[in-house]
PDB file of N, CA and C in Angstrom:
ATOM      1  N   MET A   1     112.616 102.511  65.517  1.00  0.00           N
ATOM      2  CA  MET A   1     112.061 103.423  66.596  1.00  0.00           C
ATOM      3  C   MET A   1     111.907 103.021  67.622  1.00  0.00           C
ATOM      4  N   VAL A   2     112.276 103.185  68.863  1.00  0.00           N
ATOM      5  CA  VAL A   2     112.502 102.684  70.138  1.00  0.00           C
ATOM      6  C   VAL A   2     111.044 102.773  70.383  1.00  0.00           C
ATOM      7  N   LEU A   3     110.726 101.766  71.207  1.00  0.00           N
ATOM      8  CA  LEU A   3     109.405 101.415  71.951  1.00  0.00           C
ATOM      9  C   LEU A   3     109.215 100.952  72.836  1.00  0.00           C
ATOM     10  N   GLN A   4     108.227 101.896  73.494  1.00  0.00           N
ATOM     11  CA  GLN A   4     108.218 102.268  74.794  1.00  0.00           C
ATOM     12  C   GLN A   4     107.504 100.482  75.777  1.00  0.00           C
ATOM     13  N   HIS A   5     107.861  99.993  77.067  1.00  0.00           N
ATOM     14  CA  HIS A   5     107.926  99.515  77.213  1.00  0.00           C
ATOM     15  C   HIS A   5     106.873  99.464  78.890  1.00  0.00           C
ATOM     16  N   THR A   6     106.450 100.845  79.601  1.00  0.00           N
ATOM     17  CA  THR A   6     105.707 101.312  80.057  1.00  0.00           C
ATOM     18  C   THR A   6     104.322 102.057  79.440  1.00  0.00           C
ATOM     19  N   ILE A   7     102.974 101.892  80.056  1.00  0.00           N
ATOM     20  CA  ILE A   7     102.496 103.015  80.182  1.00  0.00           C
ATOM     21  C   ILE A   7     102.142 104.085  81.287  1.00  0.00           C
ATOM     22  N   LYS A   8     102.475 104.697  81.694  1.00  0.00           N
ATOM     23  CA  LYS A   8     102.090 105.701  82.688  1.00  0.00           C
ATOM     24  C   LYS A   8     100.514 106.138  82.841  1.00  0.00           C
ATOM     25  N   ALA A   9     100.063 106.025  84.298  1.00  0.00           N
ATOM     26  CA  ALA A   9      99.268 106.624  84.453  1.00  0.00           C
ATOM     27  C   ALA A   9      99.018 107.291  85.784  1.00  0.00           C
ATOM     28  N   ILE A  10      98.516 108.192  85.996  1.00  0.00           N
ATOM     29  CA  ILE A  10      98.472 109.227  87.505  1.00  0.00           C
ATOM     30  C   ILE A  10      96.550 108.845  87.822  1.00  0.00           C
ATOM     31  N   ILE A  11      97.118 108.598  89.244  1.00  0.00           N
ATOM     32  CA  ILE A  11      95.825 108.223  90.143  1.00  0.00           C
ATOM     33  C   ILE A  11      95.288 109.875  90.884  1.00  0.00           C
ATOM     34  N   ARG A  12      94.463 110.500  90.724  1.00  0.00           N
ATOM     35  CA  ARG A  12      93.684 111.703  92.195  1.00  0.00           C
ATOM     36  C   ARG A  12      92.449 110.775  92.438  1.00  0.00           C
ATOM     37  N   ARG A  13      92.828 112.154  94.116  1.00  0.00           N
ATOM     38  CA  ARG A  13      91.643 111.561  94.514  1.00  0.00           C
ATOM     39  C   ARG A  13      90.661 112.526  94.041  1.00  0.00           C
ATOM     40  N   GLY A  14      89.211 112.527  94.238  1.00  0.00           N
ATOM     41  CA  GLY A  14      87.884 113.076  93.383  1.00  0.00           C
ATOM     42  C   GLY A  14      87.473 113.582  94.801  1.00  0.00           C
ATOM     43  N   ASP A  15      85.965 113.936  94.429  1.00  0.00           N
ATOM     44  CA  ASP A  15      85.448 114.351  95.735  1.00  0.00           C
ATOM     45  C   ASP A  15      85.030 113.479  96.056  1.00  0.00           C
ATOM     46  N   THR A  16      84.397 112.586  95.175  1.00  0.00           N
ATOM     47  CA  THR A  16      83.783 110.884  95.865  1.00  0.00           C
ATOM     48  C   THR A  16      84.349 109.744  95.214  1.00  0.00           C
ATOM     49  N   HIS A  17      85.175 109.892  94.262  1.00  0.00           N
ATOM     50  CA  HIS A  17      85.939 108.570  93.627  1.00  0.00           C
ATOM     51  C   HIS A  17      87.721 108.992  93.302  1.00  0.00           C
ATOM     52  N   TYR A  18      88.082 108.427  93.278  1.00  0.00           N
ATOM     53  CA  TYR A  18      89.588 108.052  92.615  1.00  0.00           C
ATOM     54  C   TYR A  18      89.433 108.098  91.306  1.00  0.00           C
ATOM     55  N   VAL A  19      90.344 109.012  90.470  1.00  0.00           N
ATOM     56  CA  VAL A  19      90.089 108.936  89.031  1.00  0.00           C
ATOM     57  C   VAL A  19      91.523 108.478  88.473  1.00  0.00           C
ATOM     58  N   GLY A  20      91.602 107.179  87.646  1.00  0.00           N
ATOM     59  CA  GLY A  20      92.451 107.312  86.784  1.00  0.00           C
ATOM     60  C   GLY A  20      92.810 107.874  85.130  1.00  0.00           C
ATOM     61  N   GLU A  21      94.157 108.118  84.991  1.00  0.00           N
ATOM     62  CA  GLU A  21      93.982 108.712  83.995  1.00  0.00           C
ATOM     63  C   GLU A  21      95.619 108.305  83.214  1.00  0.00           C
ATOM     64  N   CYS A  22      95.940 107.665  81.970  1.00  0.00           N
ATOM     65  CA  CYS A  22      96.111 107.339  81.336  1.00  0.00           C
ATOM     66  C   CYS A  22      97.028 108.585  80.432  1.00  0.00           C
ATOM     67  N   VAL A  23      98.454 108.863  80.404  1.00  0.00           N
ATOM     68  CA  VAL A  23      99.175 109.814  79.799  1.00  0.00           C
ATOM     69  C   VAL A  23      99.235 109.575  78.433  1.00  0.00           C
ATOM     70  N   GLU A  24      99.411 108.631  77.889  1.00  0.00           N
ATOM     71  CA  GLU A  24      99.940 107.953  76.617  1.00  0.00           C
ATOM     72  C   GLU A  24      98.799 107.382  75.709  1.00  0.00           C
ATOM     73  N   ILE A  25      98.027 107.186  76.291  1.00  0.00           N
ATOM     74  CA  ILE A  25      96.641 106.774  75.938  1.00  0.00           C
ATOM     75  C   ILE A  25      95.179 107.039  76.292  1.00  0.00           C
ATOM     76  N   ALA A  26      94.210 107.264  75.522  1.00  0.00           N
ATOM     77  CA  ALA A  26      93.060 108.200  76.269  1.00  0.00           C
ATOM     78  C   ALA A  26      92.341 106.628  76.666  1.00  0.00           C
ATOM     79  N   VAL A  27      93.109 106.711  77.886  1.00  0.00           N
ATOM     80  CA  VAL A  27      92.092 106.133  79.109  1.00  0.00           C
ATOM     81  C   VAL A  27      92.353 106.600  80.066  1.00  0.00           C
ATOM     82  N   VAL A  28      90.786 106.803  80.514  1.00  0.00           N
ATOM     83  CA  VAL A  28      90.408 107.213  82.180  1.00  0.00           C
ATOM     84  C   VAL A  28      88.999 106.390  82.313  1.00  0.00           C
ATOM     85  N   THR A  29      89.572 106.504  83.856  1.00  0.00           N
ATOM     86  CA  THR A  29      88.183 105.874  84.573  1.00  0.00           C
ATOM     87  C   THR A  29      88.557 106.011  85.853  1.00  0.00           C
ATOM     88  N   GLN A  30      87.599 105.630  87.016  1.00  0.00           N
ATOM     89  CA  GLN A  30      87.310 106.118  87.927  1.00  0.00           C
ATOM     90  C   GLN A  30      86.978 104.855  89.112  1.00  0.00           C
ATOM     91  N   GLY A  31      87.144 104.699  90.290  1.00  0.00           N
ATOM     92  CA  GLY A  31      86.457 103.712  91.592  1.00  0.00           C
ATOM     93  C   GLY A  31      86.438 104.015  92.555  1.00  0.00           C
ATOM     94  N   LYS A  32      85.952 103.645  93.464  1.00  0.00           N
ATOM     95  CA  LYS A  32      85.675 104.365  94.797  1.00  0.00           C
ATOM     96  C   LYS A  32      86.329 104.009  95.657  1.00  0.00           C
ATOM     97  N   THR A  33      87.721 103.270  95.443  1.00  0.00           N
ATOM     98  CA  THR A  33      88.822 102.956  96.378  1.00  0.00           C
ATOM     99  C   THR A  33      90.157 102.619  95.721  1.00  0.00           C
ATOM    100  N   LEU A  34      91.045 102.933  95.926  1.00  0.00           N
ATOM    101  CA  LEU A  34      92.243 103.253  95.381  1.00  0.00           C
ATOM    102  C   LEU A  34      92.451 101.663  94.318  1.00  0.00           C
ATOM    103  N   ASP A  35      92.229 100.116  95.047  1.00  0.00           N
ATOM    104  CA  ASP A  35      91.769  98.781  94.560  1.00  0.00           C
ATOM    105  C   ASP A  35      90.953  99.054  93.382  1.00  0.00           C
ATOM    106  N   GLU A  36      89.849  99.351  93.029  1.00  0.00           N
ATOM    107  CA  GLU A  36      89.270  99.170  92.654  1.00  0.00           C
ATOM    108  C   GLU A  36      89.026 100.259  91.292  1.00  0.00           C
ATOM    109  N   THR A  37      89.817 101.818  91.657  1.00  0.00           N
ATOM    110  CA  THR A  37      90.668 102.031  90.452  1.00  0.00           C
ATOM    111  C   THR A  37      91.914 101.808  89.457  1.00  0.00           C
ATOM    112  N   VAL A  38      92.623 100.878  90.661  1.00  0.00           N
ATOM    113  CA  VAL A  38      93.380 100.263  89.894  1.00  0.00           C
ATOM    114  C   VAL A  38      93.351  99.013  88.981  1.00  0.00           C
ATOM    115  N   GLU A  39      92.434  98.234  89.078  1.00  0.00           N
ATOM    116  CA  GLU A  39      92.156  97.517  88.842  1.00  0.00           C
ATOM    117  C   GLU A  39      90.833  97.473  87.609  1.00  0.00           C
ATOM    118  N   ASN A  40      90.121  98.764  87.390  1.00  0.00           N
ATOM    119  CA  ASN A  40      89.304  99.765  86.607  1.00  0.00           C
ATOM    120  C   ASN A  40      90.744 100.109  85.594  1.00  0.00           C
ATOM    121  N   LEU A  41      91.771 100.519  85.712  1.00  0.00           N
ATOM    122  CA  LEU A  41      92.678 100.867  85.163  1.00  0.00           C
ATOM    123  C   LEU A  41      93.267  99.944  84.192  1.00  0.00           C
ATOM    124  N   ARG A  42      93.346  98.729  84.847  1.00  0.00           N
ATOM    125  CA  ARG A  42      93.764  98.153  84.183  1.00  0.00           C
ATOM    126  C   ARG A  42      93.264  97.266  82.935  1.00  0.00           C
ATOM    127  N   GLU A  43      91.627  97.153  83.644  1.00  0.00           N
ATOM    128  CA  GLU A  43      91.169  96.819  82.562  1.00  0.00           C
ATOM    129  C   GLU A  43      90.013  97.426  81.562  1.00  0.00           C
ATOM    130  N   ALA A  44      90.223  98.768  81.773  1.00  0.00           N
ATOM    131  CA  ALA A  44      90.152  99.568  81.037  1.00  0.00           C
ATOM    132  C   ALA A  44      91.602  99.957  79.413  1.00  0.00           C
ATOM    133  N   VAL A  45      92.435  99.634  79.824  1.00  0.00           N
ATOM    134  CA  VAL A  45      94.110  99.617  79.435  1.00  0.00           C
ATOM    135  C   VAL A  45      93.818  98.468  78.604  1.00  0.00           C
ATOM    136  N   ALA A  46      93.840  97.181  78.969  1.00  0.00           N
ATOM    137  CA  ALA A  46      93.649  96.450  78.011  1.00  0.00           C
ATOM    138  C   ALA A  46      92.177  96.288  77.135  1.00  0.00           C
ATOM    139  N   LEU A  47      91.353  96.755  77.244  1.00  0.00           N
ATOM    140  CA  LEU A  47      90.089  96.372  76.197  1.00  0.00           C
ATOM    141  C   LEU A  47      90.731  97.816  75.495  1.00  0.00           C
ATOM    142  N   HIS A  48      91.304  99.236  75.525  1.00  0.00           N
ATOM    143  CA  HIS A  48      91.824  99.995  74.572  1.00  0.00           C
ATOM    144  C   HIS A  48      92.895  99.591  73.739  1.00  0.00           C
ATOM    145  N   LEU A  49      93.875  98.804  74.230  1.00  0.00           N
ATOM    146  CA  LEU A  49      95.299  97.776  73.355  1.00  0.00           C
ATOM    147  C   LEU A  49      94.551  96.497  72.542  1.00  0.00           C
ATOM    148  N   GLU A  50      93.125  96.267  73.263  1.00  0.00           N
ATOM    149  CA  GLU A  50      93.128  95.119  72.272  1.00  0.00           C
ATOM    150  C   GLU A  50      92.451  94.899  70.608  1.00  0.00           C
ATOM    151  N   ASP A  51      93.058  94.363  70.055  1.00  0.00           N
ATOM    152  CA  ASP A  51      93.352  94.037  68.883  1.00  0.00           C
ATOM    153  C   ASP A  51      93.969  94.980  68.042  1.00  0.00           C
ATOM    154  N   GLU A  52      94.855  95.740  68.728  1.00  0.00           N
ATOM    155  CA  GLU A  52      95.725  96.600  67.929  1.00  0.00           C
ATOM    156  C   GLU A  52      97.075  96.366  67.761  1.00  0.00           C
ATOM    157  N   ASP A  53      97.774  97.026  66.932  1.00  0.00           N
ATOM    158  CA  ASP A  53      99.050  96.941  66.728  1.00  0.00           C
ATOM    159  C   ASP A  53      99.686  97.947  67.888  1.00  0.00           C
ATOM    160  N   LEU A  54     100.358  97.220  68.566  1.00  0.00           N
ATOM    161  CA  LEU A  54     101.218  97.810  69.742  1.00  0.00           C
ATOM    162  C   LEU A  54     102.331  99.024  69.105  1.00  0.00           C
ATOM    163  N   SER A  55     102.690  98.136  68.081  1.00  0.00           N
ATOM    164  CA  SER A  55     104.330  99.258  67.778  1.00  0.00           C
ATOM    165  C   SER A  55     103.703 100.228  66.897  1.00  0.00           C
ATOM    166  N   GLU A  56     102.387 100.478  66.406  1.00  0.00           N
ATOM    167  CA  GLU A  56     102.062 101.114  65.685  1.00  0.00           C
ATOM    168  C   GLU A  56     101.486 102.554  66.728  1.00  0.00           C
ATOM    169  N   MET A  57     101.046 102.165  67.952  1.00  0.00           N
ATOM    170  CA  MET A  57     100.821 102.969  69.417  1.00  0.00           C
ATOM    171  C   MET A  57     102.382 103.364  69.779  1.00  0.00           C
ATOM    172  N   GLY A  58     103.401 102.728  69.287  1.00  0.00           N
ATOM    173  CA  GLY A  58     104.929 102.986  70.001  1.00  0.00           C
ATOM    174  C   GLY A  58     105.183 101.930  71.031  1.00  0.00           C
ATOM    175  N   LEU A  59     104.648 101.243  71.279  1.00  0.00           N
ATOM    176  CA  LEU A  59     104.292 100.564  72.007  1.00  0.00           C
ATOM    177  C   LEU A  59     105.018  98.858  72.467  1.00  0.00           C
ATOM    178  N   ALA A  60     106.011  98.579  72.978  1.00  0.00           N
ATOM    179  CA  ALA A  60     106.405  97.038  73.136  1.00  0.00           C
ATOM    180  C   ALA A  60     105.386  96.419  73.720  1.00  0.00           C
ATOM    181  N   PRO A  61     105.482  94.804  72.840  1.00  0.00           N
ATOM    182  CA  PRO A  61     104.225  93.803  73.479  1.00  0.00           C
ATOM    183  C   PRO A  61     104.085  93.915  75.007  1.00  0.00           C
ATOM    184  N   ASP A  62     103.107  93.759  75.831  1.00  0.00           N
ATOM    185  CA  ASP A  62     103.006  92.985  76.724  1.00  0.00           C
ATOM    186  C   ASP A  62     103.533  94.456  77.802  1.00  0.00           C
ATOM    187  N   PRO A  63     103.409  95.724  77.732  1.00  0.00           N
ATOM    188  CA  PRO A  63     103.527  96.830  78.385  1.00  0.00           C
ATOM    189  C   PRO A  63     103.143  96.682  79.550  1.00  0.00           C
ATOM    190  N   THR A  64     104.023  97.577  80.631  1.00  0.00           N
ATOM    191  CA  THR A  64     103.659  97.530  81.833  1.00  0.00           C
ATOM    192  C   THR A  64     103.374  98.451  82.283  1.00  0.00           C
ATOM    193  N   LEU A  65     102.197  98.661  83.025  1.00  0.00           N
ATOM    194  CA  LEU A  65     101.307 100.478  83.600  1.00  0.00           C
ATOM    195  C   LEU A  65     102.052 100.404  85.008  1.00  0.00           C
ATOM    196  N   ILE A  66     103.001 102.096  84.661  1.00  0.00           N
ATOM    197  CA  ILE A  66     103.215 102.637  85.737  1.00  0.00           C
ATOM    198  C   ILE A  66     102.254 103.523  86.133  1.00  0.00           C
ATOM    199  N   LEU A  67     101.862 103.156  88.000  1.00  0.00           N
ATOM    200  CA  LEU A  67     101.318 104.237  88.614  1.00  0.00           C
ATOM    201  C   LEU A  67     101.460 105.192  89.380  1.00  0.00           C
ATOM    202  N   THR A  68     101.316 106.487  89.098  1.00  0.00           N
ATOM    203  CA  THR A  68     101.847 107.648  90.246  1.00  0.00           C
ATOM    204  C   THR A  68     100.499 108.449  91.098  1.00  0.00           C
ATOM    205  N   MET A  69     100.913 108.764  91.778  1.00  0.00           N
ATOM    206  CA  MET A  69      99.459 108.535  92.837  1.00  0.00           C
ATOM    207  C   MET A  69      99.505 110.264  93.414  1.00  0.00           C
ATOM    208  N   GLU A  70      98.605 111.052  93.148  1.00  0.00           N
ATOM    209  CA  GLU A  70      98.872 112.838  93.709  1.00  0.00           C
ATOM    210  C   GLU A  70      98.204 112.671  94.983  1.00  0.00           C
ATOM    211  N   VAL A  71      98.881 113.791  95.647  1.00  0.00           N
ATOM    212  CA  VAL A  71      98.388 113.229  97.574  1.00  0.00           C
ATOM    213  C   VAL A  71      98.365 114.635  97.830  1.00  0.00           C
ATOM    214  N   ARG A  72      97.571 115.005  98.771  1.00  0.00           N
ATOM    215  CA  ARG A  72      98.324 116.047  99.657  1.00  0.00           C
ATOM    216  C   ARG A  72      97.849 115.817 101.174  1.00  0.00           C
ATOM    217  N   LEU A  73      99.166 116.767 101.217  1.00  0.00           N
ATOM    218  CA  LEU A  73      99.797 116.043 103.146  1.00  0.00           C
ATOM    219  C   LEU A  73      99.253 117.328 103.466  1.00  0.00           C
ATOM    220  N   TRP A  74      98.401 116.962 104.618  1.00  0.00           N
ATOM    221  CA  TRP A  74      97.905 117.792 105.633  1.00  0.00           C
ATOM    222  C   TRP A  74      98.402 118.464 106.356  1.00  0.00           C
ATOM    223  N   HIS A  75      98.830 119.825 106.684  1.00  0.00           N
ATOM    224  CA  HIS A  75      99.635 120.602 107.681  1.00  0.00           C
ATOM    225  C   HIS A  75      98.793 121.627 108.807  1.00  0.00           C
ATOM    226  N   PRO A  76      98.880 121.603 109.743  1.00  0.00           N
ATOM    227  CA  PRO A  76      98.319 122.596 110.637  1.00  0.00           C
ATOM    228  C   PRO A  76      97.578 124.145 110.107  1.00  0.00           C
ATOM    229  N   THR A  77      99.056 124.311 109.387  1.00  0.00           N
ATOM    230  CA  THR A  77      98.281 125.989 109.091  1.00  0.00           C
ATOM    231  C   THR A  77      97.770 125.813 107.044  1.00  0.00           C
ATOM    232  N   GLY A  78      97.734 124.895 106.665  1.00  0.00           N
ATOM    233  CA  GLY A  78      96.870 124.381 105.111  1.00  0.00           C
ATOM    234  C   GLY A  78      97.560 122.558 104.715  1.00  0.00           C
ATOM    235  N   TYR A  79      97.355 122.857 103.387  1.00  0.00           N
ATOM    236  CA  TYR A  79      97.519 121.769 102.584  1.00  0.00           C
ATOM    237  C   TYR A  79      98.518 121.972 102.240  1.00  0.00           C
ATOM    238  N   PHE A  80      99.773 120.895 102.330  1.00  0.00           N
ATOM    239  CA  PHE A  80     100.958 120.610 100.580  1.00  0.00           C
ATOM    240  C   PHE A  80     100.728 119.498  99.938  1.00  0.00           C
ATOM    241  N   SER A  81     100.921 119.874  98.661  1.00  0.00           N
ATOM    242  CA  SER A  81     100.753 119.082  97.399  1.00  0.00           C
ATOM    243  C   SER A  81     101.629 117.615  97.750  1.00  0.00           C
ATOM    244  N   ALA A  82     101.837 116.756  97.054  1.00  0.00           N
ATOM    245  CA  ALA A  82     102.581 115.863  97.090  1.00  0.00           C
ATOM    246  C   ALA A  82     104.784 117.111  96.426  1.00  0.00           C
ATOM    247  N   SER A  83     104.376 117.402  96.002  1.00  0.00           N
ATOM    248  CA  SER A  83     105.496 118.315  95.491  1.00  0.00           C
ATOM    249  C   SER A  83     105.702 119.371  96.034  1.00  0.00           C
ATOM    250  N   GLY A  84     104.987 119.917  97.216  1.00  0.00           N
ATOM    251  CA  GLY A  84     105.417 120.542  98.435  1.00  0.00           C
ATOM    252  C   GLY A  84     105.174 122.139  98.072  1.00  0.00           C
ATOM    253  N   ALA A  85     104.332 122.275  97.057  1.00  0.00           N
ATOM    254  CA  ALA A  85     103.194 123.673  96.720  1.00  0.00           C
ATOM    255  C   ALA A  85     102.313 123.720  97.627  1.00  0.00           C
ATOM    256  N   HIS A  86     102.091 124.990  98.668  1.00  0.00           N
ATOM    257  CA  HIS A  86     101.400 124.795  99.528  1.00  0.00           C
ATOM    258  C   HIS A  86      99.776 125.379  98.851  1.00  0.00           C
ATOM    259  N   HIS A  87      99.285 125.168  99.786  1.00  0.00           N
ATOM    260  CA  HIS A  87      97.503 125.662  99.086  1.00  0.00           C
ATOM    261  C   HIS A  87      96.943 125.753 100.530  1.00  0.00           C
ATOM    262  N   CYS A  88      96.173 126.939 100.496  1.00  0.00           N
ATOM    263  CA  CYS A  88      95.899 127.633 101.726  1.00  0.00           C
ATOM    264  C   CYS A  88      94.367 126.414 102.219  1.00  0.00           C
ATOM    265  N   ARG A  89      94.576 126.239 103.607  1.00  0.00           N
ATOM    266  CA  ARG A  89      92.963 125.895 104.012  1.00  0.00           C
ATOM    267  C   ARG A  89      91.754 126.387 103.362  1.00  0.00           C
ATOM    268  N   GLY A  90      90.556 126.208 103.437  1.00  0.00           N
ATOM    269  CA  GLY A  90      89.652 127.020 103.032  1.00  0.00           C
ATOM    270  C   GLY A  90      88.591 127.252 104.240  1.00  0.00           C
TER     271      GLY A  90
END
């Protein structure tokens, strides 16, 4: 079995906070700022993996956290997501 060297997470802006959610493991956290959210995500992942057999989870020792941020780009006729999909302004 090939072990993963990375854990992927997505950060989104909510109504009042940023939310960080891991893709491969059950970890979700939030913060008022991006920096706080990233730090909370690091801590939550470390706590989740503590005392676990990483190989049983499909992870290599000392995995790296890869973050992706979902953003909206403002445009005079509405908003565009980072993928380019158009969202009308309300």
